[in-house]
Amino acid sequence: MERVSKTDLARKLAKQSDDLSLKESKEVITSLFKLIADELSAGNVVNIPDFGTFSITQRAERQGINPSTKAKITIPAQLSPKFKASKSLKLLVNN
């Protein structure tokens, strides 16, 4: 399994598209990721058919241990992004 970067995705997008240069492909990908992040920050759910759904979940306050000092600490409640793959994406990955 290899790691694919944003630049790798942009390169592949530019190759598949007759209209986009590598620079334009990077801008499209960066803009898309920013749009998704902005919508999540606003509390919205982003649903992309045949891909999946991005949402925000509330993580409750919990107790943890500082690994350096072994002291108990309280980890505050926080919002966390979540992604749920669509059925068609799961099928594509597993075939």
C-alpha atoms as a PDB file:
ATOM      1  CA  MET A   1       0.000   0.000   0.000  1.00  0.00           C
ATOM      2  CA  GLU A   2       1.477   3.334  -1.000  1.00  0.00           C
ATOM      3  CA  ARG A   3       0.760   6.780   0.377  1.00  0.00           C
ATOM      4  CA  VAL A   4      -0.801   9.216  -2.105  1.00  0.00           C
ATOM      5  CA  SER A   5      -0.270  12.940  -1.516  1.00  0.00           C
ATOM      6  CA  LYS A   6      -2.360  15.914  -2.591  1.00  0.00           C
ATOM      7  CA  THR A   7       0.227  16.571  -5.328  1.00  0.00           C
ATOM      8  CA  ASP A   8      -0.134  12.974  -6.552  1.00  0.00           C
ATOM      9  CA  LEU A   9      -3.903  13.435  -6.737  1.00  0.00           C
ATOM     10  CA  ALA A  10      -3.454  16.732  -8.598  1.00  0.00           C
ATOM     11  CA  ARG A  11      -1.091  15.083 -11.064  1.00  0.00           C
ATOM     12  CA  LYS A  12      -3.620  12.314 -11.749  1.00  0.00           C
ATOM     13  CA  LEU A  13      -6.472  14.831 -12.079  1.00  0.00           C
ATOM     14  CA  ALA A  14      -4.466  16.936 -14.553  1.00  0.00           C
ATOM     15  CA  LYS A  15      -3.632  13.810 -16.573  1.00  0.00           C
ATOM     16  CA  GLN A  16      -7.306  12.741 -16.719  1.00  0.00           C
ATOM     17  CA  SER A  17      -8.488  16.219 -17.654  1.00  0.00           C
ATOM     18  CA  ASP A  18      -7.709  17.859 -20.958  1.00  0.00           C
ATOM     19  CA  ASP A  19      -8.527  21.319 -19.561  1.00  0.00           C
ATOM     20  CA  LEU A  20      -6.573  21.476 -16.273  1.00  0.00           C
ATOM     21  CA  SER A  21      -2.872  22.065 -15.712  1.00  0.00           C
ATOM     22  CA  LEU A  22      -1.091  20.629 -12.665  1.00  0.00           C
ATOM     23  CA  LYS A  23      -1.274  24.025 -10.941  1.00  0.00           C
ATOM     24  CA  GLU A  24      -5.011  24.336 -11.633  1.00  0.00           C
ATOM     25  CA  SER A  25      -5.590  20.770 -10.423  1.00  0.00           C
ATOM     26  CA  LYS A  26      -3.833  21.560  -7.131  1.00  0.00           C
ATOM     27  CA  GLU A  27      -6.003  24.664  -6.744  1.00  0.00           C
ATOM     28  CA  VAL A  28      -9.186  22.650  -7.360  1.00  0.00           C
ATOM     29  CA  ILE A  29      -8.230  20.003  -4.796  1.00  0.00           C
ATOM     30  CA  THR A  30      -7.137  22.598  -2.213  1.00  0.00           C
ATOM     31  CA  SER A  31     -10.384  24.533  -2.741  1.00  0.00           C
ATOM     32  CA  LEU A  32     -12.492  21.386  -2.376  1.00  0.00           C
ATOM     33  CA  PHE A  33     -10.795  20.409   0.893  1.00  0.00           C
ATOM     34  CA  LYS A  34     -11.195  23.963   2.207  1.00  0.00           C
ATOM     35  CA  LEU A  35     -14.894  24.000   1.286  1.00  0.00           C
ATOM     36  CA  ILE A  36     -15.462  20.718   3.129  1.00  0.00           C
ATOM     37  CA  ALA A  37     -13.570  22.002   6.197  1.00  0.00           C
ATOM     38  CA  ASP A  38     -15.503  25.298   6.149  1.00  0.00           C
ATOM     39  CA  GLU A  39     -18.849  23.485   5.990  1.00  0.00           C
ATOM     40  CA  LEU A  40     -17.854  21.212   8.875  1.00  0.00           C
ATOM     41  CA  SER A  41     -16.705  24.247  10.898  1.00  0.00           C
ATOM     42  CA  ALA A  42     -20.138  25.778  10.335  1.00  0.00           C
ATOM     43  CA  GLY A  43     -21.728  22.627  11.788  1.00  0.00           C
ATOM     44  CA  ASN A  44     -22.967  21.271   8.461  1.00  0.00           C
ATOM     45  CA  VAL A  45     -22.846  17.711   7.145  1.00  0.00           C
ATOM     46  CA  VAL A  46     -21.208  17.214   3.720  1.00  0.00           C
ATOM     47  CA  ASN A  47     -22.680  14.331   1.743  1.00  0.00           C
ATOM     48  CA  ILE A  48     -20.950  13.292  -1.491  1.00  0.00           C
ATOM     49  CA  PRO A  49     -23.002  10.599  -3.270  1.00  0.00           C
ATOM     50  CA  ASP A  50     -21.084   7.409  -4.102  1.00  0.00           C
ATOM     51  CA  PHE A  51     -18.211   8.573  -1.871  1.00  0.00           C
ATOM     52  CA  GLY A  52     -19.337   9.236   1.688  1.00  0.00           C
ATOM     53  CA  THR A  53     -20.446  11.663   4.365  1.00  0.00           C
ATOM     54  CA  PHE A  54     -18.331  14.059   6.410  1.00  0.00           C
ATOM     55  CA  SER A  55     -19.775  15.161   9.751  1.00  0.00           C
ATOM     56  CA  ILE A  56     -18.808  16.407  13.214  1.00  0.00           C
ATOM     57  CA  THR A  57     -19.198  14.427  16.427  1.00  0.00           C
ATOM     58  CA  GLN A  58     -18.995  15.626  20.031  1.00  0.00           C
ATOM     59  CA  ARG A  59     -16.353  13.800  22.062  1.00  0.00           C
ATOM     60  CA  ALA A  60     -17.110  13.780  25.776  1.00  0.00           C
ATOM     61  CA  GLU A  61     -14.691  14.940  28.454  1.00  0.00           C
ATOM     62  CA  ARG A  62     -12.618  12.000  29.699  1.00  0.00           C
ATOM     63  CA  GLN A  63      -9.785  11.068  32.013  1.00  0.00           C
ATOM     64  CA  GLY A  64      -6.347  10.319  30.639  1.00  0.00           C
ATOM     65  CA  ILE A  65      -2.806   9.804  31.896  1.00  0.00           C
ATOM     66  CA  ASN A  66       0.156  11.999  31.019  1.00  0.00           C
ATOM     67  CA  PRO A  67       2.694   9.461  29.662  1.00  0.00           C
ATOM     68  CA  SER A  68       5.692  11.456  30.962  1.00  0.00           C
ATOM     69  CA  THR A  69       4.572  12.078  34.524  1.00  0.00           C
ATOM     70  CA  LYS A  70       1.912   9.349  34.889  1.00  0.00           C
ATOM     71  CA  ALA A  71      -0.344  12.015  36.405  1.00  0.00           C
ATOM     72  CA  LYS A  72      -4.072  11.817  35.758  1.00  0.00           C
ATOM     73  CA  ILE A  73      -5.353  14.587  33.501  1.00  0.00           C
ATOM     74  CA  THR A  74      -8.748  15.634  32.250  1.00  0.00           C
ATOM     75  CA  ILE A  75      -9.050  15.712  28.490  1.00  0.00           C
ATOM     76  CA  PRO A  76     -11.690  18.347  27.651  1.00  0.00           C
ATOM     77  CA  ALA A  77     -14.733  17.709  25.481  1.00  0.00           C
ATOM     78  CA  GLN A  78     -14.168  18.575  21.848  1.00  0.00           C
ATOM     79  CA  LEU A  79     -15.626  18.354  18.382  1.00  0.00           C
ATOM     80  CA  SER A  80     -14.081  15.812  16.038  1.00  0.00           C
ATOM     81  CA  PRO A  81     -14.509  15.312  12.276  1.00  0.00           C
ATOM     82  CA  LYS A  82     -15.925  11.987  11.143  1.00  0.00           C
ATOM     83  CA  PHE A  83     -16.137  10.286   7.737  1.00  0.00           C
ATOM     84  CA  LYS A  84     -18.527   7.467   6.845  1.00  0.00           C
ATOM     85  CA  ALA A  85     -17.849   5.772   3.510  1.00  0.00           C
ATOM     86  CA  SER A  86     -20.791   5.152   1.182  1.00  0.00           C
ATOM     87  CA  LYS A  87     -21.882   1.642   0.322  1.00  0.00           C
ATOM     88  CA  SER A  88     -20.627   2.028  -3.253  1.00  0.00           C
ATOM     89  CA  LEU A  89     -17.174   3.187  -2.044  1.00  0.00           C
ATOM     90  CA  LYS A  90     -16.964   0.205   0.314  1.00  0.00           C
ATOM     91  CA  LEU A  91     -17.863  -2.148  -2.549  1.00  0.00           C
ATOM     92  CA  LEU A  92     -15.276  -0.539  -4.834  1.00  0.00           C
ATOM     93  CA  VAL A  93     -12.522  -0.847  -2.215  1.00  0.00           C
ATOM     94  CA  ASN A  94     -13.359  -4.465  -1.415  1.00  0.00           C
ATOM     95  CA  ASN A  95     -13.453  -5.700  -5.014  1.00  0.00           C
END
